[in-house]
N, C-alpha and C. Protein backbone atom coordinates (compact mmCIF):
# COMPACT_ATOMS: atom_id res chain seq x y z
N MET A 1 90.51 -117.93 -68.07
CA MET A 1 90.51 -116.69 -68.80
C MET A 1 89.39 -116.70 -69.83
N SER A 2 88.74 -115.57 -69.96
CA SER A 2 87.61 -115.47 -70.87
C SER A 2 88.08 -115.37 -72.32
N ASP A 3 87.23 -115.84 -73.21
CA ASP A 3 87.49 -115.74 -74.65
C ASP A 3 86.98 -114.43 -75.23
N TYR A 4 86.48 -113.51 -74.37
CA TYR A 4 85.84 -112.29 -74.84
C TYR A 4 86.36 -111.05 -74.11
N THR A 5 86.22 -109.92 -74.78
CA THR A 5 86.46 -108.62 -74.17
C THR A 5 85.19 -107.79 -74.29
N LEU A 6 85.07 -106.83 -73.41
CA LEU A 6 83.88 -105.97 -73.41
C LEU A 6 84.33 -104.52 -73.47
N THR A 7 83.74 -103.77 -74.39
CA THR A 7 84.04 -102.35 -74.53
C THR A 7 82.75 -101.56 -74.41
N LYS A 8 82.76 -100.57 -73.50
CA LYS A 8 81.58 -99.73 -73.33
C LYS A 8 81.42 -98.82 -74.54
N VAL A 9 80.19 -98.64 -74.98
CA VAL A 9 79.88 -97.71 -76.05
C VAL A 9 79.25 -96.46 -75.45
N ARG A 10 78.15 -96.64 -74.71
CA ARG A 10 77.49 -95.49 -74.09
C ARG A 10 76.41 -95.96 -73.12
N LEU A 11 75.93 -95.01 -72.33
CA LEU A 11 74.75 -95.18 -71.49
C LEU A 11 73.78 -94.12 -71.97
N PHE A 12 72.66 -94.54 -72.54
CA PHE A 12 71.74 -93.60 -73.16
C PHE A 12 70.30 -94.04 -72.93
N GLU A 13 69.49 -93.12 -72.42
CA GLU A 13 68.07 -93.35 -72.19
C GLU A 13 67.80 -94.62 -71.40
N GLY A 14 68.59 -94.83 -70.35
CA GLY A 14 68.38 -95.95 -69.45
C GLY A 14 68.88 -97.29 -69.95
N VAL A 15 69.67 -97.28 -71.02
CA VAL A 15 70.21 -98.53 -71.56
C VAL A 15 71.72 -98.40 -71.69
N TRP A 16 72.45 -99.33 -71.06
CA TRP A 16 73.91 -99.37 -71.19
C TRP A 16 74.21 -100.20 -72.44
N GLU A 17 75.11 -99.68 -73.29
CA GLU A 17 75.44 -100.37 -74.54
C GLU A 17 76.93 -100.63 -74.60
N GLY A 18 77.28 -101.80 -75.11
CA GLY A 18 78.68 -102.16 -75.25
C GLY A 18 78.87 -103.14 -76.40
N VAL A 19 80.14 -103.44 -76.68
CA VAL A 19 80.48 -104.40 -77.72
C VAL A 19 81.29 -105.52 -77.09
N VAL A 20 80.86 -106.74 -77.31
CA VAL A 20 81.58 -107.93 -76.86
C VAL A 20 82.32 -108.49 -78.07
N ALA A 21 83.62 -108.68 -77.93
CA ALA A 21 84.42 -109.20 -79.05
C ALA A 21 85.17 -110.44 -78.59
N ARG A 22 85.28 -111.41 -79.48
CA ARG A 22 86.03 -112.61 -79.12
C ARG A 22 87.53 -112.33 -79.25
N VAL A 23 88.28 -112.94 -78.36
CA VAL A 23 89.72 -112.74 -78.31
C VAL A 23 90.42 -113.65 -79.31
N ARG A 24 89.90 -114.86 -79.50
CA ARG A 24 90.52 -115.82 -80.42
C ARG A 24 89.46 -116.49 -81.28
N ASP A 25 89.90 -117.00 -82.40
CA ASP A 25 88.98 -117.67 -83.32
C ASP A 25 88.50 -118.99 -82.73
N GLY A 26 87.40 -119.46 -83.26
CA GLY A 26 86.91 -120.78 -82.87
C GLY A 26 85.91 -120.76 -81.73
N VAL A 27 85.60 -119.59 -81.20
CA VAL A 27 84.60 -119.52 -80.15
C VAL A 27 83.34 -118.89 -80.73
N GLY A 28 82.22 -119.32 -80.23
CA GLY A 28 80.95 -118.83 -80.77
C GLY A 28 80.38 -117.68 -79.98
N ARG A 29 79.08 -117.63 -79.98
CA ARG A 29 78.33 -116.58 -79.29
C ARG A 29 78.64 -116.62 -77.79
N PRO A 30 78.89 -115.46 -77.19
CA PRO A 30 79.21 -115.44 -75.76
C PRO A 30 78.01 -115.79 -74.89
N ASN A 31 78.31 -116.44 -73.79
CA ASN A 31 77.32 -116.76 -72.77
C ASN A 31 77.54 -115.76 -71.64
N LEU A 32 76.77 -114.69 -71.64
CA LEU A 32 76.97 -113.62 -70.67
C LEU A 32 75.97 -113.74 -69.52
N LYS A 33 76.43 -113.27 -68.37
CA LYS A 33 75.58 -113.22 -67.19
C LYS A 33 75.63 -111.78 -66.68
N ILE A 34 74.50 -111.10 -66.69
CA ILE A 34 74.43 -109.72 -66.24
C ILE A 34 73.58 -109.69 -64.98
N THR A 35 74.19 -109.20 -63.88
CA THR A 35 73.51 -109.25 -62.59
C THR A 35 73.54 -107.90 -61.87
N PHE A 36 72.52 -107.68 -61.07
CA PHE A 36 72.44 -106.55 -60.15
C PHE A 36 71.98 -107.12 -58.82
N LEU A 37 72.76 -106.89 -57.77
CA LEU A 37 72.49 -107.46 -56.45
C LEU A 37 72.26 -108.98 -56.54
N GLU A 38 73.13 -109.63 -57.31
CA GLU A 38 73.15 -111.08 -57.49
C GLU A 38 71.89 -111.64 -58.17
N GLN A 39 71.08 -110.77 -58.77
CA GLN A 39 69.90 -111.20 -59.52
C GLN A 39 70.12 -110.87 -60.99
N GLU A 40 69.72 -111.78 -61.88
CA GLU A 40 69.91 -111.54 -63.30
C GLU A 40 69.05 -110.37 -63.77
N VAL A 41 69.63 -109.53 -64.61
CA VAL A 41 68.93 -108.37 -65.17
C VAL A 41 68.06 -108.84 -66.33
N GLU A 42 66.81 -108.39 -66.34
CA GLU A 42 65.86 -108.77 -67.39
C GLU A 42 65.99 -107.83 -68.58
N GLY A 43 65.65 -108.32 -69.77
CA GLY A 43 65.58 -107.49 -70.96
C GLY A 43 66.91 -107.26 -71.67
N VAL A 44 67.94 -108.03 -71.32
CA VAL A 44 69.25 -107.89 -71.96
C VAL A 44 69.17 -108.43 -73.38
N SER A 45 69.81 -107.72 -74.33
CA SER A 45 69.85 -108.22 -75.70
C SER A 45 71.29 -108.28 -76.19
N LEU A 46 71.59 -109.33 -76.96
CA LEU A 46 72.90 -109.54 -77.55
C LEU A 46 72.67 -109.88 -79.02
N SER A 47 73.14 -108.99 -79.89
CA SER A 47 72.93 -109.20 -81.33
C SER A 47 74.27 -109.14 -82.05
N GLU A 48 74.33 -109.80 -83.20
CA GLU A 48 75.58 -109.81 -83.97
C GLU A 48 75.93 -108.39 -84.39
N GLY A 49 77.23 -108.08 -84.25
CA GLY A 49 77.72 -106.75 -84.61
C GLY A 49 78.13 -106.69 -86.06
N GLY A 50 78.66 -105.53 -86.44
CA GLY A 50 79.08 -105.33 -87.82
C GLY A 50 80.35 -106.08 -88.18
N GLU A 51 81.19 -106.36 -87.20
CA GLU A 51 82.45 -107.07 -87.45
C GLU A 51 82.30 -108.55 -87.11
N ASP A 52 83.12 -109.37 -87.75
CA ASP A 52 83.12 -110.79 -87.45
C ASP A 52 83.64 -111.00 -86.02
N GLY A 53 82.91 -111.76 -85.23
CA GLY A 53 83.33 -112.04 -83.87
C GLY A 53 82.99 -110.95 -82.88
N ALA A 54 82.06 -110.07 -83.24
CA ALA A 54 81.64 -109.00 -82.34
C ALA A 54 80.12 -109.04 -82.17
N TRP A 55 79.66 -108.71 -80.98
CA TRP A 55 78.24 -108.68 -80.67
C TRP A 55 77.92 -107.38 -79.96
N ASN A 56 76.75 -106.84 -80.25
CA ASN A 56 76.26 -105.63 -79.59
C ASN A 56 75.45 -106.03 -78.37
N LEU A 57 75.84 -105.50 -77.22
CA LEU A 57 75.17 -105.81 -75.97
C LEU A 57 74.38 -104.59 -75.51
N ARG A 58 73.12 -104.82 -75.14
CA ARG A 58 72.27 -103.76 -74.59
C ARG A 58 71.70 -104.25 -73.27
N VAL A 59 71.99 -103.47 -72.22
CA VAL A 59 71.55 -103.83 -70.87
C VAL A 59 70.68 -102.70 -70.32
N PRO A 60 69.38 -102.95 -70.13
CA PRO A 60 68.54 -101.91 -69.54
C PRO A 60 68.91 -101.73 -68.06
N VAL A 61 68.99 -100.48 -67.63
CA VAL A 61 69.30 -100.21 -66.23
C VAL A 61 68.10 -100.65 -65.40
N PRO A 62 68.32 -101.55 -64.43
CA PRO A 62 67.19 -101.99 -63.59
C PRO A 62 66.60 -100.83 -62.79
N ASP A 63 65.29 -100.78 -62.67
CA ASP A 63 64.64 -99.73 -61.89
C ASP A 63 65.17 -99.68 -60.47
N GLU A 64 65.48 -100.84 -59.90
CA GLU A 64 65.96 -100.92 -58.52
C GLU A 64 67.32 -100.25 -58.35
N ALA A 65 68.06 -100.10 -59.46
CA ALA A 65 69.40 -99.51 -59.39
C ALA A 65 69.35 -97.99 -59.31
N ILE A 66 68.19 -97.42 -59.52
CA ILE A 66 68.05 -95.97 -59.46
C ILE A 66 67.62 -95.61 -58.05
N SER A 67 68.63 -95.45 -57.20
CA SER A 67 68.38 -95.13 -55.79
C SER A 67 69.63 -94.49 -55.20
N ASP A 68 69.52 -94.00 -53.98
CA ASP A 68 70.64 -93.34 -53.32
C ASP A 68 71.84 -94.27 -53.19
N GLY A 69 73.01 -93.69 -53.30
CA GLY A 69 74.24 -94.45 -53.14
C GLY A 69 74.81 -94.89 -54.47
N VAL A 70 75.72 -95.86 -54.40
CA VAL A 70 76.36 -96.39 -55.60
C VAL A 70 75.80 -97.78 -55.87
N GLN A 71 75.27 -97.98 -57.07
CA GLN A 71 74.69 -99.27 -57.47
C GLN A 71 75.49 -99.79 -58.66
N THR A 72 75.87 -101.07 -58.63
CA THR A 72 76.73 -101.64 -59.67
C THR A 72 76.07 -102.82 -60.35
N VAL A 73 76.15 -102.83 -61.67
CA VAL A 73 75.68 -103.95 -62.48
C VAL A 73 76.92 -104.65 -63.02
N LEU A 74 77.01 -105.98 -62.80
CA LEU A 74 78.16 -106.76 -63.24
C LEU A 74 77.86 -107.51 -64.54
N ILE A 75 78.87 -107.57 -65.40
CA ILE A 75 78.76 -108.32 -66.66
C ILE A 75 79.87 -109.37 -66.63
N THR A 76 79.49 -110.63 -66.59
CA THR A 76 80.47 -111.71 -66.48
C THR A 76 80.31 -112.71 -67.61
N ASP A 77 81.40 -113.44 -67.86
CA ASP A 77 81.39 -114.56 -68.81
C ASP A 77 80.72 -115.71 -68.09
N GLY A 78 79.59 -116.17 -68.60
CA GLY A 78 78.83 -117.24 -67.95
C GLY A 78 79.55 -118.56 -67.92
N ASP A 79 80.55 -118.77 -68.80
CA ASP A 79 81.28 -120.03 -68.84
C ASP A 79 82.45 -120.06 -67.85
N THR A 80 83.11 -118.92 -67.67
CA THR A 80 84.30 -118.88 -66.80
C THR A 80 84.07 -118.11 -65.50
N ASP A 81 82.93 -117.45 -65.37
CA ASP A 81 82.61 -116.57 -64.22
C ASP A 81 83.60 -115.42 -64.07
N GLU A 82 84.34 -115.09 -65.13
CA GLU A 82 85.26 -113.96 -65.11
C GLU A 82 84.48 -112.68 -65.38
N THR A 83 84.76 -111.64 -64.61
CA THR A 83 84.10 -110.36 -64.82
C THR A 83 84.67 -109.69 -66.06
N LEU A 84 83.80 -109.41 -67.02
CA LEU A 84 84.22 -108.72 -68.24
C LEU A 84 84.11 -107.21 -68.08
N GLY A 85 83.19 -106.77 -67.26
CA GLY A 85 83.01 -105.34 -67.04
C GLY A 85 81.89 -105.09 -66.05
N ALA A 86 81.66 -103.81 -65.80
CA ALA A 86 80.62 -103.40 -64.87
C ALA A 86 80.29 -101.94 -65.16
N PHE A 87 79.12 -101.52 -64.72
CA PHE A 87 78.82 -100.10 -64.75
C PHE A 87 78.11 -99.75 -63.46
N ALA A 88 78.37 -98.53 -63.01
CA ALA A 88 77.83 -98.08 -61.73
C ALA A 88 77.01 -96.82 -61.91
N LEU A 89 76.00 -96.69 -61.08
CA LEU A 89 75.17 -95.50 -61.03
C LEU A 89 75.32 -94.89 -59.64
N MET A 90 75.53 -93.59 -59.58
CA MET A 90 75.67 -92.90 -58.29
C MET A 90 74.59 -91.82 -58.23
N ALA A 91 73.91 -91.76 -57.09
CA ALA A 91 72.86 -90.75 -56.94
C ALA A 91 72.61 -90.47 -55.47
N GLY A 92 71.99 -89.34 -55.23
CA GLY A 92 71.50 -89.01 -53.91
C GLY A 92 72.49 -88.30 -53.03
N GLU A 93 72.03 -87.98 -51.82
CA GLU A 93 72.83 -87.24 -50.86
C GLU A 93 74.01 -88.04 -50.35
N ALA A 94 73.88 -89.34 -50.25
CA ALA A 94 74.97 -90.16 -49.74
C ALA A 94 76.22 -90.00 -50.60
N VAL A 95 76.05 -89.88 -51.91
CA VAL A 95 77.18 -89.72 -52.81
C VAL A 95 77.87 -88.39 -52.55
N ALA A 96 77.10 -87.33 -52.40
CA ALA A 96 77.68 -86.02 -52.15
C ALA A 96 78.49 -86.03 -50.85
N GLU A 97 77.97 -86.67 -49.82
CA GLU A 97 78.69 -86.77 -48.54
C GLU A 97 79.97 -87.58 -48.71
N ASP A 98 79.91 -88.69 -49.45
CA ASP A 98 81.10 -89.51 -49.69
C ASP A 98 82.16 -88.71 -50.43
N LEU A 99 81.76 -87.94 -51.43
CA LEU A 99 82.71 -87.15 -52.20
C LEU A 99 83.35 -86.07 -51.34
N ARG A 100 82.56 -85.42 -50.49
CA ARG A 100 83.13 -84.41 -49.60
C ARG A 100 84.14 -85.03 -48.65
N ALA A 101 83.84 -86.19 -48.13
CA ALA A 101 84.76 -86.88 -47.22
C ALA A 101 86.05 -87.25 -47.94
N GLU A 102 85.93 -87.72 -49.18
CA GLU A 102 87.12 -88.08 -49.97
C GLU A 102 87.99 -86.85 -50.25
N VAL A 103 87.37 -85.74 -50.59
CA VAL A 103 88.12 -84.51 -50.87
C VAL A 103 88.82 -84.04 -49.60
N ASP A 104 88.14 -84.09 -48.46
CA ASP A 104 88.77 -83.70 -47.19
C ASP A 104 89.97 -84.59 -46.88
N LEU A 105 89.84 -85.89 -47.13
CA LEU A 105 90.94 -86.81 -46.89
C LEU A 105 92.10 -86.52 -47.83
N LEU A 106 91.82 -86.26 -49.09
CA LEU A 106 92.88 -85.93 -50.04
C LEU A 106 93.60 -84.64 -49.66
N ARG A 107 92.85 -83.64 -49.19
CA ARG A 107 93.48 -82.39 -48.75
C ARG A 107 94.41 -82.63 -47.57
N ALA A 108 93.97 -83.43 -46.61
CA ALA A 108 94.82 -83.73 -45.45
C ALA A 108 96.08 -84.46 -45.87
N GLU A 109 95.96 -85.41 -46.78
CA GLU A 109 97.14 -86.14 -47.25
C GLU A 109 98.08 -85.23 -48.03
N LEU A 110 97.52 -84.32 -48.83
CA LEU A 110 98.35 -83.37 -49.58
C LEU A 110 99.10 -82.45 -48.63
N ASP A 111 98.43 -81.95 -47.58
CA ASP A 111 99.10 -81.11 -46.58
C ASP A 111 100.24 -81.87 -45.91
N MET A 112 100.03 -83.14 -45.58
CA MET A 112 101.07 -83.95 -44.97
C MET A 112 102.27 -84.11 -45.91
N LEU A 113 101.99 -84.36 -47.19
CA LEU A 113 103.07 -84.51 -48.18
C LEU A 113 103.83 -83.20 -48.36
N LYS A 114 103.13 -82.08 -48.36
CA LYS A 114 103.81 -80.78 -48.49
C LYS A 114 104.75 -80.54 -47.31
N ARG A 115 104.29 -80.84 -46.10
CA ARG A 115 105.14 -80.66 -44.92
C ARG A 115 106.36 -81.57 -45.00
N ALA A 116 106.15 -82.83 -45.40
CA ALA A 116 107.26 -83.77 -45.49
C ALA A 116 108.25 -83.34 -46.57
N PHE A 117 107.76 -82.83 -47.69
CA PHE A 117 108.65 -82.38 -48.76
C PHE A 117 109.45 -81.17 -48.32
N ARG A 118 108.81 -80.21 -47.65
CA ARG A 118 109.53 -79.03 -47.16
C ARG A 118 110.61 -79.43 -46.15
N ARG A 119 110.27 -80.35 -45.26
CA ARG A 119 111.25 -80.83 -44.27
C ARG A 119 112.41 -81.49 -44.97
N HIS A 120 112.13 -82.29 -45.99
CA HIS A 120 113.18 -82.96 -46.76
C HIS A 120 114.10 -81.94 -47.44
N CYS A 121 113.50 -80.89 -48.02
CA CYS A 121 114.30 -79.85 -48.69
C CYS A 121 115.21 -79.12 -47.70
N VAL A 122 114.71 -78.85 -46.50
CA VAL A 122 115.53 -78.17 -45.49
C VAL A 122 116.67 -79.06 -45.03
N GLU A 123 116.37 -80.35 -44.83
CA GLU A 123 117.40 -81.28 -44.34
C GLU A 123 118.46 -81.57 -45.38
N THR A 124 118.13 -81.62 -46.64
CA THR A 124 119.11 -81.96 -47.68
C THR A 124 119.71 -80.73 -48.35
N GLY A 125 119.14 -79.56 -48.11
CA GLY A 125 119.59 -78.33 -48.78
C GLY A 125 120.67 -77.68 -48.06
């Protein structure tokens, strides 16, 4: 189990920002590993925050992550390999097609549930 938690602050001007806080006393600066497609992200900064045991994390969005589909950047504890968080970017036509397919599937499932509920009401009523 990791000694840290990660809270997203914002994604602004191509930089994802968050706060890393220690869960218990006695642990020092976090050893974070930020990766995209299993490659370490360059330009990451971790600075002491305003509160004791908190650090400000800034992760620049990799240029390679700006492409069609869903791209995910992972943030892990380098000591325990536990995932603390992630952020995803979605873009392009592939996303629109995926969303349409999901909505169609949800509509079909909702229609099935409505029929089953009506049948149940008739049988028990």
